[in-house]
Amino acid sequence: AAASVKGSIIYEQPLHERMRLFMRLEVLMHRFDHSLQHDS
């Protein structure tokens, strides 16, 4: 839910390295899943 919620776009800022790692992993796993939905 980091992109948009009910007509809004949300910008997130991690405040330490551990959160930065987890948030990057979350984004990458979502991108992986999104690309994997398609066949080409």
PDB file of all heavy atoms in Angstrom:
ATOM      1  N   ALA A   1       0.813  -1.216   0.000  1.00  0.00           N
ATOM      2  CA  ALA A   1       0.000   0.000   0.000  1.00  0.00           C
ATOM      3  C   ALA A   1       0.839   1.255   0.000  1.00  0.00           C
ATOM      4  O   ALA A   1       0.380   2.307   0.415  1.00  0.00           O
ATOM      5  CB  ALA A   1      -0.901  -0.008   1.235  1.00  0.00           C
ATOM      6  N   ALA A   2       2.084   1.172  -0.448  1.00  0.00           N
ATOM      7  CA  ALA A   2       2.951   2.344  -0.386  1.00  0.00           C
ATOM      8  C   ALA A   2       2.712   3.325  -1.516  1.00  0.00           C
ATOM      9  O   ALA A   2       3.190   4.443  -1.484  1.00  0.00           O
ATOM     10  CB  ALA A   2       4.416   1.896  -0.409  1.00  0.00           C
ATOM     11  N   ALA A   3       1.994   2.920  -2.571  1.00  0.00           N
ATOM     12  CA  ALA A   3       1.848   3.796  -3.732  1.00  0.00           C
ATOM     13  C   ALA A   3       0.701   4.777  -3.578  1.00  0.00           C
ATOM     14  O   ALA A   3       0.891   5.978  -3.558  1.00  0.00           O
ATOM     15  CB  ALA A   3       1.666   2.949  -4.982  1.00  0.00           C
ATOM     16  N   SER A   4      -0.524   4.296  -3.471  1.00  0.00           N
ATOM     17  CA  SER A   4      -1.652   5.213  -3.358  1.00  0.00           C
ATOM     18  C   SER A   4      -2.757   4.597  -2.529  1.00  0.00           C
ATOM     19  O   SER A   4      -2.952   3.390  -2.512  1.00  0.00           O
ATOM     20  CB  SER A   4      -2.197   5.553  -4.751  1.00  0.00           C
ATOM     21  OG  SER A   4      -2.649   4.391  -5.401  1.00  0.00           O
ATOM     22  N   VAL A   5      -3.461   5.429  -1.786  1.00  0.00           N
ATOM     23  CA  VAL A   5      -4.561   4.993  -0.929  1.00  0.00           C
ATOM     24  C   VAL A   5      -5.690   6.007  -1.034  1.00  0.00           C
ATOM     25  O   VAL A   5      -5.509   7.173  -0.709  1.00  0.00           O
ATOM     26  CB  VAL A   5      -4.118   4.865   0.544  1.00  0.00           C
ATOM     27  CG1 VAL A   5      -5.303   4.494   1.414  1.00  0.00           C
ATOM     28  CG2 VAL A   5      -3.022   3.815   0.682  1.00  0.00           C
ATOM     29  N   LYS A   6      -6.845   5.573  -1.530  1.00  0.00           N
ATOM     30  CA  LYS A   6      -8.051   6.410  -1.581  1.00  0.00           C
ATOM     31  C   LYS A   6      -7.777   7.777  -2.191  1.00  0.00           C
ATOM     32  O   LYS A   6      -8.027   8.822  -1.581  1.00  0.00           O
ATOM     33  CB  LYS A   6      -8.650   6.543  -0.180  1.00  0.00           C
ATOM     34  CG  LYS A   6      -9.162   5.228   0.392  1.00  0.00           C
ATOM     35  CD  LYS A   6      -9.790   5.422   1.768  1.00  0.00           C
ATOM     36  CE  LYS A   6     -10.306   4.094   2.321  1.00  0.00           C
ATOM     37  NZ  LYS A   6     -10.887   4.248   3.678  1.00  0.00           N
ATOM     38  N   GLY A   7      -7.241   7.808  -3.381  1.00  0.00           N
ATOM     39  CA  GLY A   7      -7.030   9.057  -4.082  1.00  0.00           C
ATOM     40  C   GLY A   7      -5.793   9.823  -3.691  1.00  0.00           C
ATOM     41  O   GLY A   7      -5.595  10.954  -4.142  1.00  0.00           O
ATOM     42  N   SER A   8      -4.946   9.235  -2.834  1.00  0.00           N
ATOM     43  CA  SER A   8      -3.721   9.911  -2.414  1.00  0.00           C
ATOM     44  C   SER A   8      -2.506   9.089  -2.810  1.00  0.00           C
ATOM     45  O   SER A   8      -2.587   7.874  -2.968  1.00  0.00           O
ATOM     46  CB  SER A   8      -3.708  10.105  -0.892  1.00  0.00           C
ATOM     47  OG  SER A   8      -4.763  10.943  -0.473  1.00  0.00           O
ATOM     48  N   ILE A   9      -1.396   9.772  -2.970  1.00  0.00           N
ATOM     49  CA  ILE A   9      -0.125   9.082  -3.163  1.00  0.00           C
ATOM     50  C   ILE A   9       0.704   9.276  -1.904  1.00  0.00           C
ATOM     51  O   ILE A   9       0.767  10.376  -1.350  1.00  0.00           O
ATOM     52  CB  ILE A   9       0.618   9.607  -4.408  1.00  0.00           C
ATOM     53  CG1 ILE A   9       1.943   8.861  -4.586  1.00  0.00           C
ATOM     54  CG2 ILE A   9       0.854  11.109  -4.336  1.00  0.00           C
ATOM     55  CD1 ILE A   9       2.601   9.102  -5.929  1.00  0.00           C
ATOM     56  N   ILE A  10       1.286   8.190  -1.411  1.00  0.00           N
ATOM     57  CA  ILE A  10       2.006   8.211  -0.140  1.00  0.00           C
ATOM     58  C   ILE A  10       3.510   8.131  -0.388  1.00  0.00           C
ATOM     59  O   ILE A  10       3.980   7.272  -1.133  1.00  0.00           O
ATOM     60  CB  ILE A  10       1.555   7.056   0.771  1.00  0.00           C
ATOM     61  CG1 ILE A  10       0.084   7.233   1.150  1.00  0.00           C
ATOM     62  CG2 ILE A  10       2.415   6.992   2.034  1.00  0.00           C
ATOM     63  CD1 ILE A  10      -0.472   6.123   2.000  1.00  0.00           C
ATOM     64  N   TYR A  11       4.241   9.041   0.243  1.00  0.00           N
ATOM     65  CA  TYR A  11       5.697   9.054   0.185  1.00  0.00           C
ATOM     66  C   TYR A  11       6.217   8.622   1.553  1.00  0.00           C
ATOM     67  O   TYR A  11       5.816   9.179   2.578  1.00  0.00           O
ATOM     68  CB  TYR A  11       6.210  10.446  -0.150  1.00  0.00           C
ATOM     69  CG  TYR A  11       5.715  10.980  -1.474  1.00  0.00           C
ATOM     70  CD1 TYR A  11       4.484  11.630  -1.567  1.00  0.00           C
ATOM     71  CD2 TYR A  11       6.472  10.839  -2.634  1.00  0.00           C
ATOM     72  CE1 TYR A  11       4.020  12.124  -2.783  1.00  0.00           C
ATOM     73  CE2 TYR A  11       6.026  11.333  -3.851  1.00  0.00           C
ATOM     74  CZ  TYR A  11       4.799  11.965  -3.916  1.00  0.00           C
ATOM     75  OH  TYR A  11       4.341  12.454  -5.121  1.00  0.00           O
ATOM     76  N   GLU A  12       7.100   7.628   1.570  1.00  0.00           N
ATOM     77  CA  GLU A  12       7.597   7.095   2.832  1.00  0.00           C
ATOM     78  C   GLU A  12       9.102   7.333   2.957  1.00  0.00           C
ATOM     79  O   GLU A  12       9.843   7.191   1.996  1.00  0.00           O
ATOM     80  CB  GLU A  12       7.311   5.597   2.930  1.00  0.00           C
ATOM     81  CG  GLU A  12       5.825   5.273   2.961  1.00  0.00           C
ATOM     82  CD  GLU A  12       5.551   3.788   3.108  1.00  0.00           C
ATOM     83  OE1 GLU A  12       6.343   2.974   2.585  1.00  0.00           O
ATOM     84  OE2 GLU A  12       4.541   3.438   3.742  1.00  0.00           O
ATOM     85  N   GLN A  13       9.522   7.670   4.174  1.00  0.00           N
ATOM     86  CA  GLN A  13      10.935   7.886   4.468  1.00  0.00           C
ATOM     87  C   GLN A  13      11.345   7.004   5.640  1.00  0.00           C
ATOM     88  O   GLN A  13      10.892   7.199   6.766  1.00  0.00           O
ATOM     89  CB  GLN A  13      11.188   9.358   4.815  1.00  0.00           C
ATOM     90  CG  GLN A  13      12.618   9.672   5.215  1.00  0.00           C
ATOM     91  CD  GLN A  13      13.576   9.542   4.051  1.00  0.00           C
ATOM     92  OE1 GLN A  13      13.239   9.857   2.917  1.00  0.00           O
ATOM     93  NE2 GLN A  13      14.787   9.075   4.321  1.00  0.00           N
ATOM     94  N   PRO A  14      12.208   5.990   5.411  1.00  0.00           N
ATOM     95  CA  PRO A  14      12.706   5.187   6.538  1.00  0.00           C
ATOM     96  C   PRO A  14      13.670   6.011   7.375  1.00  0.00           C
ATOM     97  O   PRO A  14      14.380   6.877   6.852  1.00  0.00           O
ATOM     98  CB  PRO A  14      13.420   4.020   5.843  1.00  0.00           C
ATOM     99  CG  PRO A  14      13.831   4.571   4.514  1.00  0.00           C
ATOM    100  CD  PRO A  14      12.772   5.564   4.121  1.00  0.00           C
ATOM    101  N   LEU A  15      13.687   5.732   8.676  1.00  0.00           N
ATOM    102  CA  LEU A  15      14.490   6.543   9.578  1.00  0.00           C
ATOM    103  C   LEU A  15      15.738   5.837  10.096  1.00  0.00           C
ATOM    104  O   LEU A  15      16.481   6.411  10.885  1.00  0.00           O
ATOM    105  CB  LEU A  15      13.626   7.026  10.748  1.00  0.00           C
ATOM    106  CG  LEU A  15      12.480   7.960  10.343  1.00  0.00           C
ATOM    107  CD1 LEU A  15      11.665   8.372  11.550  1.00  0.00           C
ATOM    108  CD2 LEU A  15      13.006   9.179   9.599  1.00  0.00           C
ATOM    109  N   HIS A  16      15.948   4.604   9.705  1.00  0.00           N
ATOM    110  CA  HIS A  16      17.213   3.939  10.014  1.00  0.00           C
ATOM    111  C   HIS A  16      17.450   2.811   9.019  1.00  0.00           C
ATOM    112  O   HIS A  16      16.589   2.470   8.213  1.00  0.00           O
ATOM    113  CB  HIS A  16      17.276   3.434  11.459  1.00  0.00           C
ATOM    114  CG  HIS A  16      16.136   2.566  11.869  1.00  0.00           C
ATOM    115  ND1 HIS A  16      16.021   1.241  11.471  1.00  0.00           N
ATOM    116  CD2 HIS A  16      15.052   2.822  12.630  1.00  0.00           C
ATOM    117  CE1 HIS A  16      14.925   0.731  11.989  1.00  0.00           C
ATOM    118  NE2 HIS A  16      14.323   1.663  12.679  1.00  0.00           N
ATOM    119  N   GLU A  17      18.641   2.244   9.066  1.00  0.00           N
ATOM    120  CA  GLU A  17      19.098   1.328   8.019  1.00  0.00           C
ATOM    121  C   GLU A  17      18.252   0.064   7.928  1.00  0.00           C
ATOM    122  O   GLU A  17      18.015  -0.462   6.833  1.00  0.00           O
ATOM    123  CB  GLU A  17      20.568   0.956   8.264  1.00  0.00           C
ATOM    124  CG  GLU A  17      21.254   0.327   7.061  1.00  0.00           C
ATOM    125  CD  GLU A  17      21.232   1.221   5.829  1.00  0.00           C
ATOM    126  OE1 GLU A  17      21.378   2.451   5.972  1.00  0.00           O
ATOM    127  OE2 GLU A  17      21.049   0.674   4.717  1.00  0.00           O
ATOM    128  N   ARG A  18      17.794  -0.447   9.053  1.00  0.00           N
ATOM    129  CA  ARG A  18      17.001  -1.677   9.012  1.00  0.00           C
ATOM    130  C   ARG A  18      15.689  -1.471   8.263  1.00  0.00           C
ATOM    131  O   ARG A  18      15.296  -2.293   7.435  1.00  0.00           O
ATOM    132  CB  ARG A  18      16.724  -2.177  10.434  1.00  0.00           C
ATOM    133  CG  ARG A  18      15.998  -3.513  10.481  1.00  0.00           C
ATOM    134  CD  ARG A  18      15.751  -3.949  11.915  1.00  0.00           C
ATOM    135  NE  ARG A  18      16.996  -4.256  12.593  1.00  0.00           N
ATOM    136  CZ  ARG A  18      17.097  -4.452  13.909  1.00  0.00           C
ATOM    137  NH1 ARG A  18      16.019  -4.334  14.678  1.00  0.00           N
ATOM    138  NH2 ARG A  18      18.254  -4.762  14.455  1.00  0.00           N
ATOM    139  N   MET A  19      15.023  -0.347   8.529  1.00  0.00           N
ATOM    140  CA  MET A  19      13.788  -0.053   7.809  1.00  0.00           C
ATOM    141  C   MET A  19      14.062   0.155   6.325  1.00  0.00           C
ATOM    142  O   MET A  19      13.277  -0.254   5.468  1.00  0.00           O
ATOM    143  CB  MET A  19      13.121   1.200   8.396  1.00  0.00           C
ATOM    144  CG  MET A  19      12.381   0.996   9.691  1.00  0.00           C
ATOM    145  SD  MET A  19      11.043  -0.211   9.556  1.00  0.00           S
ATOM    146  CE  MET A  19      11.821  -1.647  10.314  1.00  0.00           C
ATOM    147  N   ARG A  20      15.192   0.791   6.035  1.00  0.00           N
ATOM    148  CA  ARG A  20      15.555   1.022   4.633  1.00  0.00           C
ATOM    149  C   ARG A  20      15.716  -0.316   3.910  1.00  0.00           C
ATOM    150  O   ARG A  20      15.251  -0.485   2.778  1.00  0.00           O
ATOM    151  CB  ARG A  20      16.852   1.832   4.582  1.00  0.00           C
ATOM    152  CG  ARG A  20      17.181   2.400   3.222  1.00  0.00           C
ATOM    153  CD  ARG A  20      18.357   3.365   3.307  1.00  0.00           C
ATOM    154  NE  ARG A  20      17.955   4.606   3.964  1.00  0.00           N
ATOM    155  CZ  ARG A  20      18.374   4.992   5.165  1.00  0.00           C
ATOM    156  NH1 ARG A  20      19.220   4.241   5.844  1.00  0.00           N
ATOM    157  NH2 ARG A  20      17.960   6.129   5.697  1.00  0.00           N
ATOM    158  N   LEU A  21      16.358  -1.286   4.564  1.00  0.00           N
ATOM    159  CA  LEU A  21      16.539  -2.617   3.979  1.00  0.00           C
ATOM    160  C   LEU A  21      15.198  -3.297   3.738  1.00  0.00           C
ATOM    161  O   LEU A  21      14.933  -3.815   2.637  1.00  0.00           O
ATOM    162  CB  LEU A  21      17.403  -3.470   4.913  1.00  0.00           C
ATOM    163  CG  LEU A  21      17.503  -4.961   4.581  1.00  0.00           C
ATOM    164  CD1 LEU A  21      18.193  -5.175   3.243  1.00  0.00           C
ATOM    165  CD2 LEU A  21      18.237  -5.703   5.697  1.00  0.00           C
ATOM    166  N   PHE A  22      14.333  -3.282   4.741  1.00  0.00           N
ATOM    167  CA  PHE A  22      13.039  -3.967   4.610  1.00  0.00           C
ATOM    168  C   PHE A  22      12.165  -3.323   3.530  1.00  0.00           C
ATOM    169  O   PHE A  22      11.493  -4.013   2.772  1.00  0.00           O
ATOM    170  CB  PHE A  22      12.294  -3.949   5.950  1.00  0.00           C
ATOM    171  CG  PHE A  22      12.960  -4.751   7.038  1.00  0.00           C
ATOM    172  CD1 PHE A  22      12.585  -4.599   8.368  1.00  0.00           C
ATOM    173  CD2 PHE A  22      13.967  -5.658   6.745  1.00  0.00           C
ATOM    174  CE1 PHE A  22      13.189  -5.337   9.371  1.00  0.00           C
ATOM    175  CE2 PHE A  22      14.589  -6.398   7.740  1.00  0.00           C
ATOM    176  CZ  PHE A  22      14.202  -6.231   9.067  1.00  0.00           C
ATOM    177  N   MET A  23      12.178  -1.994   3.476  1.00  0.00           N
ATOM    178  CA  MET A  23      11.344  -1.307   2.486  1.00  0.00           C
ATOM    179  C   MET A  23      11.852  -1.546   1.068  1.00  0.00           C
ATOM    180  O   MET A  23      11.067  -1.683   0.129  1.00  0.00           O
ATOM    181  CB  MET A  23      11.284   0.184   2.819  1.00  0.00           C
ATOM    182  CG  MET A  23      10.485   0.472   4.083  1.00  0.00           C
ATOM    183  SD  MET A  23      10.638   2.180   4.688  1.00  0.00           S
ATOM    184  CE  MET A  23       9.758   3.059   3.408  1.00  0.00           C
ATOM    185  N   ARG A  24      13.165  -1.611   0.901  1.00  0.00           N
ATOM    186  CA  ARG A  24      13.711  -1.925  -0.421  1.00  0.00           C
ATOM    187  C   ARG A  24      13.345  -3.350  -0.823  1.00  0.00           C
ATOM    188  O   ARG A  24      12.999  -3.615  -1.980  1.00  0.00           O
ATOM    189  CB  ARG A  24      15.229  -1.725  -0.413  1.00  0.00           C
ATOM    190  CG  ARG A  24      15.624  -0.260  -0.484  1.00  0.00           C
ATOM    191  CD  ARG A  24      17.118  -0.067  -0.362  1.00  0.00           C
ATOM    192  NE  ARG A  24      17.465   1.343  -0.600  1.00  0.00           N
ATOM    193  CZ  ARG A  24      18.573   1.918  -0.189  1.00  0.00           C
ATOM    194  NH1 ARG A  24      19.468   1.213   0.493  1.00  0.00           N
ATOM    195  NH2 ARG A  24      18.822   3.186  -0.452  1.00  0.00           N
ATOM    196  N   LEU A  25      13.438  -4.286   0.125  1.00  0.00           N
ATOM    197  CA  LEU A  25      13.049  -5.660  -0.167  1.00  0.00           C
ATOM    198  C   LEU A  25      11.577  -5.734  -0.569  1.00  0.00           C
ATOM    199  O   LEU A  25      11.218  -6.447  -1.509  1.00  0.00           O
ATOM    200  CB  LEU A  25      13.289  -6.541   1.062  1.00  0.00           C
ATOM    201  CG  LEU A  25      14.636  -7.242   1.168  1.00  0.00           C
ATOM    202  CD1 LEU A  25      14.753  -7.958   2.507  1.00  0.00           C
ATOM    203  CD2 LEU A  25      14.837  -8.213   0.024  1.00  0.00           C
ATOM    204  N   GLU A  26      10.728  -5.010   0.142  1.00  0.00           N
ATOM    205  CA  GLU A  26       9.299  -5.017  -0.161  1.00  0.00           C
ATOM    206  C   GLU A  26       9.042  -4.547  -1.585  1.00  0.00           C
ATOM    207  O   GLU A  26       8.275  -5.173  -2.338  1.00  0.00           O
ATOM    208  CB  GLU A  26       8.565  -4.121   0.836  1.00  0.00           C
ATOM    209  CG  GLU A  26       7.065  -4.038   0.586  1.00  0.00           C
ATOM    210  CD  GLU A  26       6.394  -3.006   1.477  1.00  0.00           C
ATOM    211  OE1 GLU A  26       6.874  -1.852   1.547  1.00  0.00           O
ATOM    212  OE2 GLU A  26       5.383  -3.346   2.107  1.00  0.00           O
ATOM    213  N   VAL A  27       9.682  -3.447  -1.976  1.00  0.00           N
ATOM    214  CA  VAL A  27       9.500  -2.908  -3.323  1.00  0.00           C
ATOM    215  C   VAL A  27       9.975  -3.901  -4.372  1.00  0.00           C
ATOM    216  O   VAL A  27       9.294  -4.158  -5.373  1.00  0.00           O
ATOM    217  CB  VAL A  27      10.233  -1.557  -3.467  1.00  0.00           C
ATOM    218  CG1 VAL A  27      10.308  -1.138  -4.925  1.00  0.00           C
ATOM    219  CG2 VAL A  27       9.524  -0.475  -2.656  1.00  0.00           C
ATOM    220  N   LEU A  28      11.144  -4.489  -4.156  1.00  0.00           N
ATOM    221  CA  LEU A  28      11.698  -5.420  -5.136  1.00  0.00           C
ATOM    222  C   LEU A  28      10.849  -6.677  -5.253  1.00  0.00           C
ATOM    223  O   LEU A  28      10.631  -7.189  -6.364  1.00  0.00           O
ATOM    224  CB  LEU A  28      13.136  -5.774  -4.758  1.00  0.00           C
ATOM    225  CG  LEU A  28      14.165  -4.650  -4.927  1.00  0.00           C
ATOM    226  CD1 LEU A  28      15.522  -5.068  -4.379  1.00  0.00           C
ATOM    227  CD2 LEU A  28      14.283  -4.228  -6.384  1.00  0.00           C
ATOM    228  N   MET A  29      10.349  -7.192  -4.136  1.00  0.00           N
ATOM    229  CA  MET A  29       9.518  -8.392  -4.195  1.00  0.00           C
ATOM    230  C   MET A  29       8.212  -8.110  -4.922  1.00  0.00           C
ATOM    231  O   MET A  29       7.695  -8.957  -5.658  1.00  0.00           O
ATOM    232  CB  MET A  29       9.270  -8.936  -2.779  1.00  0.00           C
ATOM    233  CG  MET A  29      10.504  -9.576  -2.165  1.00  0.00           C
ATOM    234  SD  MET A  29      10.189 -10.476  -0.605  1.00  0.00           S
ATOM    235  CE  MET A  29       9.899  -9.104   0.509  1.00  0.00           C
ATOM    236  N   HIS A  30       7.679  -6.909  -4.742  1.00  0.00           N
ATOM    237  CA  HIS A  30       6.457  -6.543  -5.468  1.00  0.00           C
ATOM    238  C   HIS A  30       6.738  -6.437  -6.962  1.00  0.00           C
ATOM    239  O   HIS A  30       5.945  -6.909  -7.790  1.00  0.00           O
ATOM    240  CB  HIS A  30       5.923  -5.222  -4.928  1.00  0.00           C
ATOM    241  CG  HIS A  30       4.788  -4.660  -5.735  1.00  0.00           C
ATOM    242  ND1 HIS A  30       3.710  -5.413  -6.128  1.00  0.00           N
ATOM    243  CD2 HIS A  30       4.579  -3.411  -6.230  1.00  0.00           C
ATOM    244  CE1 HIS A  30       2.885  -4.668  -6.833  1.00  0.00           C
ATOM    245  NE2 HIS A  30       3.394  -3.455  -6.920  1.00  0.00           N
ATOM    246  N   ARG A  31       7.856  -5.833  -7.338  1.00  0.00           N
ATOM    247  CA  ARG A  31       8.204  -5.728  -8.752  1.00  0.00           C
ATOM    248  C   ARG A  31       8.400  -7.108  -9.372  1.00  0.00           C
ATOM    249  O   ARG A  31       7.972  -7.363 -10.505  1.00  0.00           O
ATOM    250  CB  ARG A  31       9.484  -4.907  -8.917  1.00  0.00           C
ATOM    251  CG  ARG A  31       9.312  -3.418  -8.658  1.00  0.00           C
ATOM    252  CD  ARG A  31      10.642  -2.703  -8.827  1.00  0.00           C
ATOM    253  NE  ARG A  31      10.536  -1.301  -8.451  1.00  0.00           N
ATOM    254  CZ  ARG A  31      11.578  -0.484  -8.319  1.00  0.00           C
ATOM    255  NH1 ARG A  31      12.801  -0.955  -8.527  1.00  0.00           N
ATOM    256  NH2 ARG A  31      11.409   0.789  -7.966  1.00  0.00           N
ATOM    257  N   PHE A  32       9.066  -7.992  -8.643  1.00  0.00           N
ATOM    258  CA  PHE A  32       9.276  -9.349  -9.126  1.00  0.00           C
ATOM    259  C   PHE A  32       7.937 -10.024  -9.391  1.00  0.00           C
ATOM    260  O   PHE A  32       7.706 -10.623 -10.451  1.00  0.00           O
ATOM    261  CB  PHE A  32      10.079 -10.135  -8.091  1.00  0.00           C
ATOM    262  CG  PHE A  32      10.308 -11.577  -8.448  1.00  0.00           C
ATOM    263  CD1 PHE A  32      11.382 -11.944  -9.233  1.00  0.00           C
ATOM    264  CD2 PHE A  32       9.451 -12.567  -7.988  1.00  0.00           C
ATOM    265  CE1 PHE A  32      11.603 -13.280  -9.567  1.00  0.00           C
ATOM    266  CE2 PHE A  32       9.652 -13.895  -8.314  1.00  0.00           C
ATOM    267  CZ  PHE A  32      10.733 -14.259  -9.099  1.00  0.00           C
ATOM    268  N   ASP A  33       7.043  -9.915  -8.432  1.00  0.00           N
ATOM    269  CA  ASP A  33       5.718 -10.532  -8.562  1.00  0.00           C
ATOM    270  C   ASP A  33       4.951  -9.946  -9.733  1.00  0.00           C
ATOM    271  O   ASP A  33       4.301 -10.658 -10.508  1.00  0.00           O
ATOM    272  CB  ASP A  33       4.941 -10.339  -7.262  1.00  0.00           C
ATOM    273  CG  ASP A  33       3.610 -11.067  -7.263  1.00  0.00           C
ATOM    274  OD1 ASP A  33       3.573 -12.222  -7.726  1.00  0.00           O
ATOM    275  OD2 ASP A  33       2.611 -10.484  -6.819  1.00  0.00           O
ATOM    276  N   HIS A  34       5.033  -8.618  -9.885  1.00  0.00           N
ATOM    277  CA  HIS A  34       4.295  -7.945 -10.957  1.00  0.00           C
ATOM    278  C   HIS A  34       4.772  -8.423 -12.328  1.00  0.00           C
ATOM    279  O   HIS A  34       3.959  -8.741 -13.203  1.00  0.00           O
ATOM    280  CB  HIS A  34       4.464  -6.431 -10.839  1.00  0.00           C
ATOM    281  CG  HIS A  34       3.764  -5.658 -11.908  1.00  0.00           C
ATOM    282  ND1 HIS A  34       2.403  -5.405 -11.868  1.00  0.00           N
ATOM    283  CD2 HIS A  34       4.219  -5.084 -13.051  1.00  0.00           C
ATOM    284  CE1 HIS A  34       2.049  -4.719 -12.943  1.00  0.00           C
ATOM    285  NE2 HIS A  34       3.132  -4.515 -13.677  1.00  0.00           N
ATOM    286  N   SER A  35       6.071  -8.485 -12.523  1.00  0.00           N
ATOM    287  CA  SER A  35       6.603  -8.934 -13.814  1.00  0.00           C
ATOM    288  C   SER A  35       6.279 -10.398 -14.058  1.00  0.00           C
ATOM    289  O   SER A  35       6.033 -10.817 -15.196  1.00  0.00           O
ATOM    290  CB  SER A  35       8.124  -8.731 -13.857  1.00  0.00           C
ATOM    291  OG  SER A  35       8.458  -7.374 -13.767  1.00  0.00           O
ATOM    292  N   LEU A  36       6.241 -11.177 -12.997  1.00  0.00           N
ATOM    293  CA  LEU A  36       6.001 -12.614 -13.129  1.00  0.00           C
ATOM    294  C   LEU A  36       4.568 -12.921 -13.549  1.00  0.00           C
ATOM    295  O   LEU A  36       4.270 -14.030 -14.002  1.00  0.00           O
ATOM    296  CB  LEU A  36       6.311 -13.303 -11.799  1.00  0.00           C
ATOM    297  CG  LEU A  36       6.760 -14.773 -11.858  1.00  0.00           C
ATOM    298  CD1 LEU A  36       8.075 -14.889 -12.615  1.00  0.00           C
ATOM    299  CD2 LEU A  36       6.901 -15.335 -10.461  1.00  0.00           C
ATOM    300  N   GLN A  37       3.675 -11.958 -13.403  1.00  0.00           N
ATOM    301  CA  GLN A  37       2.282 -12.168 -13.800  1.00  0.00           C
ATOM    302  C   GLN A  37       2.142 -12.264 -15.323  1.00  0.00           C
ATOM    303  O   GLN A  37       1.147 -12.788 -15.819  1.00  0.00           O
ATOM    304  CB  GLN A  37       1.416 -11.012 -13.303  1.00  0.00           C
ATOM    305  CG  GLN A  37       1.339 -10.870 -11.796  1.00  0.00           C
ATOM    306  CD  GLN A  37       0.614  -9.608 -11.393  1.00  0.00           C
ATOM    307  OE1 GLN A  37      -0.222  -9.095 -12.142  1.00  0.00           O
ATOM    308  NE2 GLN A  37       0.939  -9.071 -10.229  1.00  0.00           N
ATOM    309  N   HIS A  38       3.116 -11.735 -16.053  1.00  0.00           N
ATOM    310  CA  HIS A  38       3.012 -11.646 -17.502  1.00  0.00           C
ATOM    311  C   HIS A  38       3.876 -12.705 -18.173  1.00  0.00           C
ATOM    312  O   HIS A  38       4.787 -13.265 -17.572  1.00  0.00           O
ATOM    313  CB  HIS A  38       3.394 -10.236 -17.954  1.00  0.00           C
ATOM    314  CG  HIS A  38       2.585  -9.170 -17.264  1.00  0.00           C
ATOM    315  ND1 HIS A  38       1.264  -8.932 -17.549  1.00  0.00           N
ATOM    316  CD2 HIS A  38       2.916  -8.308 -16.260  1.00  0.00           C
ATOM    317  CE1 HIS A  38       0.803  -7.954 -16.783  1.00  0.00           C
ATOM    318  NE2 HIS A  38       1.792  -7.560 -15.986  1.00  0.00           N
ATOM    319  N   ASP A  39       3.577 -12.960 -19.445  1.00  0.00           N
ATOM    320  CA  ASP A  39       4.111 -14.153 -20.095  1.00  0.00           C
ATOM    321  C   ASP A  39       5.271 -13.939 -21.048  1.00  0.00           C
ATOM    322  O   ASP A  39       5.953 -14.899 -21.416  1.00  0.00           O
ATOM    323  CB  ASP A  39       2.986 -14.857 -20.885  1.00  0.00           C
ATOM    324  CG  ASP A  39       1.821 -15.278 -19.991  1.00  0.00           C
ATOM    325  OD1 ASP A  39       2.038 -15.392 -18.766  1.00  0.00           O
ATOM    326  OD2 ASP A  39       0.712 -15.475 -20.523  1.00  0.00           O
ATOM    327  N   SER A  40       5.520 -12.738 -21.498  1.00  0.00           N
ATOM    328  CA  SER A  40       6.492 -12.528 -22.572  1.00  0.00           C
ATOM    329  C   SER A  40       7.928 -12.661 -22.070  1.00  0.00           C
ATOM    330  O   SER A  40       8.213 -12.567 -20.864  1.00  0.00           O
ATOM    331  CB  SER A  40       6.295 -11.148 -23.196  1.00  0.00           C
ATOM    332  OG  SER A  40       6.737 -10.135 -22.313  1.00  0.00           O
TER     333      SER A  40
END
